Amino acid sequence: MVDLLTTMNKLLNMGVVLAEVIARSTVAPAREIGRPELGALSPGAEADVAVLALDEGNFSFVDCGKTWLEGGQRLRCVLTVRAGKIVYNREGLGLPIWERAQSGMGDGRG
């Protein structure tokens, strides 16, 4: 395994349905380790969330066995929330657009 997202992508491109890929990567492992409170969102639980985009195209996924799989779909992380706080936001989701925020630059706000 290279990383979890690569493994998820390989499963997706081997024909496993997206909903099943997500379940096998979240709920199922949490149950296996005896931590059913992990792997799912529920009221009062700590908000740990990965927001994934599904891209279509030509992609390759490397394996730890020094081989690779070619596929037509790719999951890509665009946002990660840990304990309710954004810790990764590659695409700036929810942030103000730069041009609009310029008016606040230089006054201690930007």
PDB file of N, CA and C in Angstrom:
ATOM      1  N   MET A   1       0.838  -1.179   0.000  1.00  0.00           N
ATOM      2  CA  MET A   1       0.000   0.000   0.000  1.00  0.00           C
ATOM      3  C   MET A   1       0.882   1.242   0.000  1.00  0.00           C
ATOM      4  N   VAL A   2       0.634   2.164  -0.891  1.00  0.00           N
ATOM      5  CA  VAL A   2       1.344   3.438  -0.923  1.00  0.00           C
ATOM      6  C   VAL A   2       0.716   4.381   0.094  1.00  0.00           C
ATOM      7  N   ASP A   3      -0.585   4.590   0.005  1.00  0.00           N
ATOM      8  CA  ASP A   3      -1.356   5.360   0.977  1.00  0.00           C
ATOM      9  C   ASP A   3      -2.827   4.991   0.798  1.00  0.00           C
ATOM     10  N   LEU A   4      -3.661   5.397   1.718  1.00  0.00           N
ATOM     11  CA  LEU A   4      -5.067   4.987   1.687  1.00  0.00           C
ATOM     12  C   LEU A   4      -5.776   5.470   0.433  1.00  0.00           C
ATOM     13  N   LEU A   5      -5.551   6.710   0.028  1.00  0.00           N
ATOM     14  CA  LEU A   5      -6.246   7.236  -1.142  1.00  0.00           C
ATOM     15  C   LEU A   5      -5.845   6.481  -2.406  1.00  0.00           C
ATOM     16  N   THR A   6      -4.572   6.123  -2.534  1.00  0.00           N
ATOM     17  CA  THR A   6      -4.128   5.323  -3.687  1.00  0.00           C
ATOM     18  C   THR A   6      -4.823   3.969  -3.679  1.00  0.00           C
ATOM     19  N   THR A   7      -4.912   3.353  -2.513  1.00  0.00           N
ATOM     20  CA  THR A   7      -5.580   2.058  -2.403  1.00  0.00           C
ATOM     21  C   THR A   7      -7.054   2.185  -2.774  1.00  0.00           C
ATOM     22  N   MET A   8      -7.701   3.242  -2.309  1.00  0.00           N
ATOM     23  CA  MET A   8      -9.100   3.477  -2.660  1.00  0.00           C
ATOM     24  C   MET A   8      -9.249   3.636  -4.173  1.00  0.00           C
ATOM     25  N   ASN A   9      -8.322   4.372  -4.789  1.00  0.00           N
ATOM     26  CA  ASN A   9      -8.365   4.573  -6.229  1.00  0.00           C
ATOM     27  C   ASN A   9      -8.176   3.274  -6.995  1.00  0.00           C
ATOM     28  N   LYS A  10      -7.283   2.424  -6.510  1.00  0.00           N
ATOM     29  CA  LYS A  10      -7.078   1.139  -7.180  1.00  0.00           C
ATOM     30  C   LYS A  10      -8.342   0.281  -7.085  1.00  0.00           C
ATOM     31  N   LEU A  11      -8.980   0.244  -5.918  1.00  0.00           N
ATOM     32  CA  LEU A  11     -10.226  -0.513  -5.774  1.00  0.00           C
ATOM     33  C   LEU A  11     -11.299   0.019  -6.722  1.00  0.00           C
ATOM     34  N   LEU A  12     -11.428   1.337  -6.771  1.00  0.00           N
ATOM     35  CA  LEU A  12     -12.409   1.977  -7.647  1.00  0.00           C
ATOM     36  C   LEU A  12     -12.169   1.575  -9.104  1.00  0.00           C
ATOM     37  N   ASN A  13     -10.915   1.562  -9.520  1.00  0.00           N
ATOM     38  CA  ASN A  13     -10.585   1.252 -10.906  1.00  0.00           C
ATOM     39  C   ASN A  13     -10.544  -0.242 -11.204  1.00  0.00           C
ATOM     40  N   MET A  14     -10.665  -1.065 -10.169  1.00  0.00           N
ATOM     41  CA  MET A  14     -10.805  -2.508 -10.377  1.00  0.00           C
ATOM     42  C   MET A  14     -12.280  -2.904 -10.386  1.00  0.00           C
ATOM     43  N   GLY A  15     -13.176  -1.911 -10.298  1.00  0.00           N
ATOM     44  CA  GLY A  15     -14.601  -2.178 -10.441  1.00  0.00           C
ATOM     45  C   GLY A  15     -15.426  -2.148  -9.174  1.00  0.00           C
ATOM     46  N   VAL A  16     -14.818  -1.843  -8.030  1.00  0.00           N
ATOM     47  CA  VAL A  16     -15.588  -1.738  -6.794  1.00  0.00           C
ATOM     48  C   VAL A  16     -16.390  -0.434  -6.847  1.00  0.00           C
ATOM     49  N   VAL A  17     -17.669  -0.512  -6.552  1.00  0.00           N
ATOM     50  CA  VAL A  17     -18.558   0.654  -6.593  1.00  0.00           C
ATOM     51  C   VAL A  17     -18.088   1.701  -5.577  1.00  0.00           C
ATOM     52  N   LEU A  18     -18.190   2.985  -5.940  1.00  0.00           N
ATOM     53  CA  LEU A  18     -17.700   4.080  -5.097  1.00  0.00           C
ATOM     54  C   LEU A  18     -18.216   3.996  -3.661  1.00  0.00           C
ATOM     55  N   ALA A  19     -19.505   3.766  -3.466  1.00  0.00           N
ATOM     56  CA  ALA A  19     -20.053   3.691  -2.105  1.00  0.00           C
ATOM     57  C   ALA A  19     -19.374   2.582  -1.303  1.00  0.00           C
ATOM     58  N   GLU A  20     -19.060   1.488  -1.952  1.00  0.00           N
ATOM     59  CA  GLU A  20     -18.398   0.371  -1.275  1.00  0.00           C
ATOM     60  C   GLU A  20     -16.936   0.705  -0.970  1.00  0.00           C
ATOM     61  N   VAL A  21     -16.266   1.413  -1.864  1.00  0.00           N
ATOM     62  CA  VAL A  21     -14.889   1.858  -1.616  1.00  0.00           C
ATOM     63  C   VAL A  21     -14.855   2.733  -0.368  1.00  0.00           C
ATOM     64  N   ILE A  22     -15.805   3.663  -0.262  1.00  0.00           N
ATOM     65  CA  ILE A  22     -15.865   4.550   0.898  1.00  0.00           C
ATOM     66  C   ILE A  22     -16.142   3.739   2.174  1.00  0.00           C
ATOM     67  N   ALA A  23     -17.111   2.846   2.125  1.00  0.00           N
ATOM     68  CA  ALA A  23     -17.445   2.036   3.305  1.00  0.00           C
ATOM     69  C   ALA A  23     -16.265   1.175   3.738  1.00  0.00           C
ATOM     70  N   ARG A  24     -15.562   0.586   2.785  1.00  0.00           N
ATOM     71  CA  ARG A  24     -14.413  -0.275   3.107  1.00  0.00           C
ATOM     72  C   ARG A  24     -13.229   0.522   3.654  1.00  0.00           C
ATOM     73  N   SER A  25     -13.268   1.835   3.477  1.00  0.00           N
ATOM     74  CA  SER A  25     -12.164   2.687   3.931  1.00  0.00           C
ATOM     75  C   SER A  25     -12.495   3.462   5.198  1.00  0.00           C
ATOM     76  N   THR A  26     -13.728   3.389   5.642  1.00  0.00           N
ATOM     77  CA  THR A  26     -14.157   4.181   6.795  1.00  0.00           C
ATOM     78  C   THR A  26     -14.832   3.310   7.859  1.00  0.00           C
ATOM     79  N   VAL A  27     -16.066   2.948   7.621  1.00  0.00           N
ATOM     80  CA  VAL A  27     -16.873   2.214   8.586  1.00  0.00           C
ATOM     81  C   VAL A  27     -16.294   0.826   8.888  1.00  0.00           C
ATOM     82  N   ALA A  28     -15.923   0.087   7.862  1.00  0.00           N
ATOM     83  CA  ALA A  28     -15.431  -1.285   8.056  1.00  0.00           C
ATOM     84  C   ALA A  28     -14.155  -1.335   8.907  1.00  0.00           C
ATOM     85  N   PRO A  29     -13.120  -0.528   8.620  1.00  0.00           N
ATOM     86  CA  PRO A  29     -11.923  -0.570   9.471  1.00  0.00           C
ATOM     87  C   PRO A  29     -12.207  -0.137  10.911  1.00  0.00           C
ATOM     88  N   ALA A  30     -13.091   0.848  11.081  1.00  0.00           N
ATOM     89  CA  ALA A  30     -13.437   1.300  12.436  1.00  0.00           C
ATOM     90  C   ALA A  30     -14.065   0.161  13.232  1.00  0.00           C
ATOM     91  N   ARG A  31     -14.945  -0.594  12.592  1.00  0.00           N
ATOM     92  CA  ARG A  31     -15.553  -1.757  13.252  1.00  0.00           C
ATOM     93  C   ARG A  31     -14.503  -2.809  13.590  1.00  0.00           C
ATOM     94  N   GLU A  32     -13.583  -3.056  12.662  1.00  0.00           N
ATOM     95  CA  GLU A  32     -12.554  -4.086  12.857  1.00  0.00           C
ATOM     96  C   GLU A  32     -11.661  -3.803  14.061  1.00  0.00           C
ATOM     97  N   ILE A  33     -11.401  -2.535  14.328  1.00  0.00           N
ATOM     98  CA  ILE A  33     -10.536  -2.202  15.466  1.00  0.00           C
ATOM     99  C   ILE A  33     -11.339  -1.922  16.733  1.00  0.00           C
ATOM    100  N   GLY A  34     -12.626  -2.184  16.674  1.00  0.00           N
ATOM    101  CA  GLY A  34     -13.460  -2.002  17.853  1.00  0.00           C
ATOM    102  C   GLY A  34     -13.741  -0.557  18.196  1.00  0.00           C
ATOM    103  N   ARG A  35     -13.728   0.319  17.184  1.00  0.00           N
ATOM    104  CA  ARG A  35     -13.993   1.750  17.399  1.00  0.00           C
ATOM    105  C   ARG A  35     -15.118   2.219  16.477  1.00  0.00           C
ATOM    106  N   PRO A  36     -16.351   1.731  16.689  1.00  0.00           N
ATOM    107  CA  PRO A  36     -17.448   2.074  15.789  1.00  0.00           C
ATOM    108  C   PRO A  36     -17.768   3.566  15.750  1.00  0.00           C
ATOM    109  N   GLU A  37     -17.290   4.325  16.742  1.00  0.00           N
ATOM    110  CA  GLU A  37     -17.532   5.779  16.728  1.00  0.00           C
ATOM    111  C   GLU A  37     -16.688   6.480  15.660  1.00  0.00           C
ATOM    112  N   LEU A  38     -15.683   5.782  15.149  1.00  0.00           N
ATOM    113  CA  LEU A  38     -14.866   6.322  14.061  1.00  0.00           C
ATOM    114  C   LEU A  38     -15.449   5.863  12.726  1.00  0.00           C
ATOM    115  N   GLY A  39     -15.111   6.538  11.666  1.00  0.00           N
ATOM    116  CA  GLY A  39     -15.514   6.079  10.342  1.00  0.00           C
ATOM    117  C   GLY A  39     -16.895   6.496   9.906  1.00  0.00           C
ATOM    118  N   ALA A  40     -17.612   7.242  10.727  1.00  0.00           N
ATOM    119  CA  ALA A  40     -18.950   7.710  10.365  1.00  0.00           C
ATOM    120  C   ALA A  40     -19.225   9.018  11.105  1.00  0.00           C
ATOM    121  N   LEU A  41     -20.106   9.800  10.554  1.00  0.00           N
ATOM    122  CA  LEU A  41     -20.511  11.048  11.206  1.00  0.00           C
ATOM    123  C   LEU A  41     -21.788  10.789  11.997  1.00  0.00           C
ATOM    124  N   SER A  42     -21.809  11.244  13.222  1.00  0.00           N
ATOM    125  CA  SER A  42     -23.004  11.104  14.052  1.00  0.00           C
ATOM    126  C   SER A  42     -23.064  12.275  15.025  1.00  0.00           C
ATOM    127  N   PRO A  43     -24.252  12.599  15.520  1.00  0.00           N
ATOM    128  CA  PRO A  43     -24.381  13.724  16.452  1.00  0.00           C
ATOM    129  C   PRO A  43     -23.473  13.529  17.670  1.00  0.00           C
ATOM    130  N   GLY A  44     -22.743  14.588  18.013  1.00  0.00           N
ATOM    131  CA  GLY A  44     -21.875  14.570  19.175  1.00  0.00           C
ATOM    132  C   GLY A  44     -20.492  13.987  18.922  1.00  0.00           C
ATOM    133  N   ALA A  45     -20.288  13.369  17.753  1.00  0.00           N
ATOM    134  CA  ALA A  45     -18.977  12.791  17.432  1.00  0.00           C
ATOM    135  C   ALA A  45     -18.027  13.885  16.963  1.00  0.00           C
ATOM    136  N   GLU A  46     -16.731  13.633  17.136  1.00  0.00           N
ATOM    137  CA  GLU A  46     -15.734  14.562  16.639  1.00  0.00           C
ATOM    138  C   GLU A  46     -15.804  14.587  15.119  1.00  0.00           C
ATOM    139  N   ALA A  47     -15.796  15.771  14.528  1.00  0.00           N
ATOM    140  CA  ALA A  47     -15.932  15.889  13.072  1.00  0.00           C
ATOM    141  C   ALA A  47     -14.579  15.693  12.392  1.00  0.00           C
ATOM    142  N   ASP A  48     -14.335  14.485  11.922  1.00  0.00           N
ATOM    143  CA  ASP A  48     -13.170  14.167  11.101  1.00  0.00           C
ATOM    144  C   ASP A  48     -13.707  13.811   9.721  1.00  0.00           C
ATOM    145  N   VAL A  49     -13.425  14.662   8.741  1.00  0.00           N
ATOM    146  CA  VAL A  49     -14.029  14.509   7.422  1.00  0.00           C
ATOM    147  C   VAL A  49     -12.986  14.744   6.340  1.00  0.00           C
ATOM    148  N   ALA A  50     -13.014  13.907   5.321  1.00  0.00           N
ATOM    149  CA  ALA A  50     -12.232  14.145   4.110  1.00  0.00           C
ATOM    150  C   ALA A  50     -13.231  14.371   2.986  1.00  0.00           C
ATOM    151  N   VAL A  51     -13.134  15.511   2.326  1.00  0.00           N
ATOM    152  CA  VAL A  51     -13.986  15.809   1.187  1.00  0.00           C
ATOM    153  C   VAL A  51     -13.194  15.427  -0.056  1.00  0.00           C
ATOM    154  N   LEU A  52     -13.766  14.497  -0.829  1.00  0.00           N
ATOM    155  CA  LEU A  52     -13.072  13.972  -2.001  1.00  0.00           C
ATOM    156  C   LEU A  52     -13.781  14.397  -3.277  1.00  0.00           C
ATOM    157  N   ALA A  53     -13.001  14.702  -4.305  1.00  0.00           N
ATOM    158  CA  ALA A  53     -13.536  14.960  -5.639  1.00  0.00           C
ATOM    159  C   ALA A  53     -13.296  13.713  -6.474  1.00  0.00           C
ATOM    160  N   LEU A  54     -14.203  13.415  -7.388  1.00  0.00           N
ATOM    161  CA  LEU A  54     -14.050  12.282  -8.295  1.00  0.00           C
ATOM    162  C   LEU A  54     -13.743  12.829  -9.672  1.00  0.00           C
ATOM    163  N   ASP A  55     -12.525  12.588 -10.146  1.00  0.00           N
ATOM    164  CA  ASP A  55     -12.074  13.062 -11.455  1.00  0.00           C
ATOM    165  C   ASP A  55     -12.168  11.940 -12.476  1.00  0.00           C
ATOM    166  N   GLU A  56     -12.478  12.309 -13.709  1.00  0.00           N
ATOM    167  CA  GLU A  56     -12.483  11.369 -14.835  1.00  0.00           C
ATOM    168  C   GLU A  56     -11.295  11.708 -15.724  1.00  0.00           C
ATOM    169  N   GLY A  57     -10.627  10.702 -16.261  1.00  0.00           N
ATOM    170  CA  GLY A  57      -9.482  10.930 -17.129  1.00  0.00           C
ATOM    171  C   GLY A  57      -8.630   9.680 -17.221  1.00  0.00           C
ATOM    172  N   ASN A  58      -7.338   9.868 -17.488  1.00  0.00           N
ATOM    173  CA  ASN A  58      -6.385   8.767 -17.539  1.00  0.00           C
ATOM    174  C   ASN A  58      -5.409   8.928 -16.391  1.00  0.00           C
ATOM    175  N   PHE A  59      -5.389   7.956 -15.478  1.00  0.00           N
ATOM    176  CA  PHE A  59      -4.561   8.040 -14.284  1.00  0.00           C
ATOM    177  C   PHE A  59      -3.815   6.728 -14.076  1.00  0.00           C
ATOM    178  N   SER A  60      -2.678   6.818 -13.396  1.00  0.00           N
ATOM    179  CA  SER A  60      -1.968   5.597 -13.023  1.00  0.00           C
ATOM    180  C   SER A  60      -1.730   5.622 -11.523  1.00  0.00           C
ATOM    181  N   PHE A  61      -1.771   4.433 -10.930  1.00  0.00           N
ATOM    182  CA  PHE A  61      -1.646   4.291  -9.485  1.00  0.00           C
ATOM    183  C   PHE A  61      -0.536   3.297  -9.185  1.00  0.00           C
ATOM    184  N   VAL A  62       0.481   3.759  -8.478  1.00  0.00           N
ATOM    185  CA  VAL A  62       1.652   2.947  -8.172  1.00  0.00           C
ATOM    186  C   VAL A  62       1.359   2.040  -6.986  1.00  0.00           C
ATOM    187  N   ASP A  63       1.950   0.861  -7.022  1.00  0.00           N
ATOM    188  CA  ASP A  63       1.780  -0.127  -5.969  1.00  0.00           C
ATOM    189  C   ASP A  63       3.113  -0.331  -5.264  1.00  0.00           C
ATOM    190  N   CYS A  64       3.058  -0.748  -4.016  1.00  0.00           N
ATOM    191  CA  CYS A  64       4.301  -0.988  -3.274  1.00  0.00           C
ATOM    192  C   CYS A  64       5.108  -2.128  -3.887  1.00  0.00           C
ATOM    193  N   GLY A  65       4.491  -2.956  -4.718  1.00  0.00           N
ATOM    194  CA  GLY A  65       5.191  -4.035  -5.403  1.00  0.00           C
ATOM    195  C   GLY A  65       5.888  -3.565  -6.672  1.00  0.00           C
ATOM    196  N   LYS A  66       6.005  -2.246  -6.835  1.00  0.00           N
ATOM    197  CA  LYS A  66       6.666  -1.623  -7.981  1.00  0.00           C
ATOM    198  C   LYS A  66       5.972  -1.965  -9.299  1.00  0.00           C
ATOM    199  N   THR A  67       4.642  -1.983  -9.242  1.00  0.00           N
ATOM    200  CA  THR A  67       3.820  -2.107 -10.433  1.00  0.00           C
ATOM    201  C   THR A  67       2.833  -0.949 -10.409  1.00  0.00           C
ATOM    202  N   TRP A  68       2.061  -0.814 -11.477  1.00  0.00           N
ATOM    203  CA  TRP A  68       1.075   0.259 -11.484  1.00  0.00           C
ATOM    204  C   TRP A  68      -0.187  -0.195 -12.189  1.00  0.00           C
ATOM    205  N   LEU A  69      -1.273   0.474 -11.861  1.00  0.00           N
ATOM    206  CA  LEU A  69      -2.584   0.194 -12.424  1.00  0.00           C
ATOM    207  C   LEU A  69      -3.052   1.444 -13.144  1.00  0.00           C
ATOM    208  N   GLU A  70      -3.559   1.264 -14.349  1.00  0.00           N
ATOM    209  CA  GLU A  70      -4.114   2.375 -15.106  1.00  0.00           C
ATOM    210  C   GLU A  70      -5.618   2.417 -14.879  1.00  0.00           C
ATOM    211  N   GLY A  71      -6.177   3.614 -14.748  1.00  0.00           N
ATOM    212  CA  GLY A  71      -7.609   3.726 -14.509  1.00  0.00           C
ATOM    213  C   GLY A  71      -8.197   4.998 -15.079  1.00  0.00           C
ATOM    214  N   GLY A  72      -9.512   5.049 -15.138  1.00  0.00           N
ATOM    215  CA  GLY A  72     -10.208   6.187 -15.715  1.00  0.00           C
ATOM    216  C   GLY A  72     -10.856   7.107 -14.694  1.00  0.00           C
ATOM    217  N   GLN A  73     -10.712   6.776 -13.392  1.00  0.00           N
ATOM    218  CA  GLN A  73     -11.269   7.613 -12.339  1.00  0.00           C
ATOM    219  C   GLN A  73     -10.245   7.804 -11.241  1.00  0.00           C
ATOM    220  N   ARG A  74     -10.366   8.952 -10.554  1.00  0.00           N
ATOM    221  CA  ARG A  74      -9.449   9.220  -9.442  1.00  0.00           C
ATOM    222  C   ARG A  74     -10.171  10.020  -8.374  1.00  0.00           C
ATOM    223  N   LEU A  75     -10.049   9.539  -7.142  1.00  0.00           N
ATOM    224  CA  LEU A  75     -10.497  10.320  -5.991  1.00  0.00           C
ATOM    225  C   LEU A  75      -9.359  11.241  -5.587  1.00  0.00           C
ATOM    226  N   ARG A  76      -9.704  12.485  -5.293  1.00  0.00           N
ATOM    227  CA  ARG A  76      -8.696  13.482  -4.921  1.00  0.00           C
ATOM    228  C   ARG A  76      -9.208  14.246  -3.715  1.00  0.00           C
ATOM    229  N   CYS A  77      -8.383  14.354  -2.683  1.00  0.00           N
ATOM    230  CA  CYS A  77      -8.786  15.077  -1.483  1.00  0.00           C
ATOM    231  C   CYS A  77      -8.717  16.580  -1.735  1.00  0.00           C
ATOM    232  N   VAL A  78      -9.818  17.279  -1.446  1.00  0.00           N
ATOM    233  CA  VAL A  78      -9.844  18.729  -1.610  1.00  0.00           C
ATOM    234  C   VAL A  78      -9.971  19.464  -0.277  1.00  0.00           C
ATOM    235  N   LEU A  79     -10.395  18.738   0.775  1.00  0.00           N
ATOM    236  CA  LEU A  79     -10.569  19.381   2.079  1.00  0.00           C
ATOM    237  C   LEU A  79     -10.519  18.310   3.160  1.00  0.00           C
ATOM    238  N   THR A  80      -9.820  18.610   4.254  1.00  0.00           N
ATOM    239  CA  THR A  80      -9.795  17.705   5.403  1.00  0.00           C
ATOM    240  C   THR A  80     -10.129  18.495   6.657  1.00  0.00           C
ATOM    241  N   VAL A  81     -11.052  17.938   7.440  1.00  0.00           N
ATOM    242  CA  VAL A  81     -11.458  18.531   8.708  1.00  0.00           C
ATOM    243  C   VAL A  81     -11.083  17.542   9.808  1.00  0.00           C
ATOM    244  N   ARG A  82     -10.381  18.031  10.830  1.00  0.00           N
ATOM    245  CA  ARG A  82      -9.990  17.197  11.978  1.00  0.00           C
ATOM    246  C   ARG A  82     -10.532  17.862  13.234  1.00  0.00           C
ATOM    247  N   ALA A  83     -11.337  17.147  13.972  1.00  0.00           N
ATOM    248  CA  ALA A  83     -11.946  17.668  15.196  1.00  0.00           C
ATOM    249  C   ALA A  83     -12.699  18.976  14.938  1.00  0.00           C
ATOM    250  N   GLY A  84     -13.353  19.041  13.771  1.00  0.00           N
ATOM    251  CA  GLY A  84     -14.162  20.207  13.441  1.00  0.00           C
ATOM    252  C   GLY A  84     -13.398  21.400  12.897  1.00  0.00           C
ATOM    253  N   LYS A  85     -12.081  21.289  12.740  1.00  0.00           N
ATOM    254  CA  LYS A  85     -11.267  22.399  12.226  1.00  0.00           C
ATOM    255  C   LYS A  85     -10.636  21.998  10.894  1.00  0.00           C
ATOM    256  N   ILE A  86     -10.650  22.920   9.934  1.00  0.00           N
ATOM    257  CA  ILE A  86     -10.047  22.653   8.628  1.00  0.00           C
ATOM    258  C   ILE A  86      -8.533  22.569   8.789  1.00  0.00           C
ATOM    259  N   VAL A  87      -7.956  21.457   8.358  1.00  0.00           N
ATOM    260  CA  VAL A  87      -6.506  21.272   8.451  1.00  0.00           C
ATOM    261  C   VAL A  87      -5.857  21.167   7.068  1.00  0.00           C
ATOM    262  N   TYR A  88      -6.662  20.985   6.023  1.00  0.00           N
ATOM    263  CA  TYR A  88      -6.156  20.929   4.648  1.00  0.00           C
ATOM    264  C   TYR A  88      -7.238  21.485   3.753  1.00  0.00           C
ATOM    265  N   ASN A  89      -6.870  22.461   2.928  1.00  0.00           N
ATOM    266  CA  ASN A  89      -7.852  23.113   2.067  1.00  0.00           C
ATOM    267  C   ASN A  89      -7.167  23.539   0.779  1.00  0.00           C
ATOM    268  N   ARG A  90      -6.740  22.569   0.008  1.00  0.00           N
ATOM    269  CA  ARG A  90      -5.951  22.809  -1.200  1.00  0.00           C
ATOM    270  C   ARG A  90      -6.627  23.772  -2.168  1.00  0.00           C
ATOM    271  N   GLU A  91      -7.930  23.704  -2.292  1.00  0.00           N
ATOM    272  CA  GLU A  91      -8.633  24.527  -3.279  1.00  0.00           C
ATOM    273  C   GLU A  91      -9.278  25.766  -2.682  1.00  0.00           C
ATOM    274  N   GLY A  92      -9.023  26.025  -1.393  1.00  0.00           N
ATOM    275  CA  GLY A  92      -9.525  27.238  -0.759  1.00  0.00           C
ATOM    276  C   GLY A  92     -11.036  27.286  -0.616  1.00  0.00           C
ATOM    277  N   LEU A  93     -11.670  26.136  -0.463  1.00  0.00           N
ATOM    278  CA  LEU A  93     -13.122  26.105  -0.322  1.00  0.00           C
ATOM    279  C   LEU A  93     -13.562  26.987   0.841  1.00  0.00           C
ATOM    280  N   GLY A  94     -14.528  27.869   0.580  1.00  0.00           N
ATOM    281  CA  GLY A  94     -15.073  28.739   1.614  1.00  0.00           C
ATOM    282  C   GLY A  94     -14.272  29.995   1.889  1.00  0.00           C
ATOM    283  N   LEU A  95     -13.092  30.135   1.294  1.00  0.00           N
ATOM    284  CA  LEU A  95     -12.277  31.334   1.498  1.00  0.00           C
ATOM    285  C   LEU A  95     -12.733  32.441   0.556  1.00  0.00           C
ATOM    286  N   PRO A  96     -12.482  33.711   0.901  1.00  0.00           N
ATOM    287  CA  PRO A  96     -12.860  34.800  -0.007  1.00  0.00           C
ATOM    288  C   PRO A  96     -11.987  34.772  -1.266  1.00  0.00           C
ATOM    289  N   ILE A  97     -12.562  35.217  -2.371  1.00  0.00           N
ATOM    290  CA  ILE A  97     -11.820  35.311  -3.628  1.00  0.00           C
ATOM    291  C   ILE A  97     -10.770  36.392  -3.476  1.00  0.00           C
ATOM    292  N   TRP A  98      -9.561  36.129  -3.940  1.00  0.00           N
ATOM    293  CA  TRP A  98      -8.400  36.988  -3.743  1.00  0.00           C
ATOM    294  C   TRP A  98      -8.671  38.430  -4.175  1.00  0.00           C
ATOM    295  N   GLU A  99      -9.245  38.614  -5.356  1.00  0.00           N
ATOM    296  CA  GLU A  99      -9.470  39.978  -5.857  1.00  0.00           C
ATOM    297  C   GLU A  99     -10.399  40.762  -4.928  1.00  0.00           C
ATOM    298  N   ARG A 100     -11.393  40.096  -4.378  1.00  0.00           N
ATOM    299  CA  ARG A 100     -12.345  40.761  -3.479  1.00  0.00           C
ATOM    300  C   ARG A 100     -11.711  41.055  -2.129  1.00  0.00           C
ATOM    301  N   ALA A 101     -10.754  40.231  -1.729  1.00  0.00           N
ATOM    302  CA  ALA A 101     -10.107  40.403  -0.431  1.00  0.00           C
ATOM    303  C   ALA A 101      -9.019  41.467  -0.477  1.00  0.00           C
ATOM    304  N   GLN A 102      -8.584  41.876  -1.674  1.00  0.00           N
ATOM    305  CA  GLN A 102      -7.504  42.865  -1.804  1.00  0.00           C
ATOM    306  C   GLN A 102      -7.819  44.168  -1.104  1.00  0.00           C
ATOM    307  N   SER A 103      -9.078  44.546  -1.087  1.00  0.00           N
ATOM    308  CA  SER A 103      -9.419  45.821  -0.465  1.00  0.00           C
ATOM    309  C   SER A 103      -9.089  45.819   1.030  1.00  0.00           C
ATOM    310  N   GLY A 104      -8.992  44.657   1.649  1.00  0.00           N
ATOM    311  CA  GLY A 104      -8.655  44.556   3.062  1.00  0.00           C
ATOM    312  C   GLY A 104      -7.148  44.445   3.295  1.00  0.00           C
ATOM    313  N   MET A 105      -6.359  44.326   2.214  1.00  0.00           N
ATOM    314  CA  MET A 105      -4.905  44.186   2.379  1.00  0.00           C
ATOM    315  C   MET A 105      -4.280  45.509   2.817  1.00  0.00           C
ATOM    316  N   GLY A 106      -3.313  45.413   3.656  1.00  0.00           N
ATOM    317  CA  GLY A 106      -2.581  46.593   4.109  1.00  0.00           C
ATOM    318  C   GLY A 106      -3.196  47.277   5.313  1.00  0.00           C
ATOM    319  N   ASP A 107      -4.347  46.841   5.736  1.00  0.00           N
ATOM    320  CA  ASP A 107      -4.966  47.458   6.896  1.00  0.00           C
ATOM    321  C   ASP A 107      -4.978  46.529   8.107  1.00  0.00           C
ATOM    322  N   GLY A 108      -4.115  45.490   8.043  1.00  0.00           N
ATOM    323  CA  GLY A 108      -4.023  44.546   9.145  1.00  0.00           C
ATOM    324  C   GLY A 108      -4.999  43.385   9.053  1.00  0.00           C
ATOM    325  N   ARG A 109      -5.878  43.428   8.055  1.00  0.00           N
ATOM    326  CA  ARG A 109      -6.843  42.337   7.898  1.00  0.00           C
ATOM    327  C   ARG A 109      -6.376  41.298   6.891  1.00  0.00           C
ATOM    328  N   GLY A 110      -5.398  41.552   6.060  1.00  0.00           N
ATOM    329  CA  GLY A 110      -5.047  40.603   5.019  1.00  0.00           C
ATOM    330  C   GLY A 110      -3.648  40.447   4.859  1.00  0.00           C
TER     331      GLY A 110
END
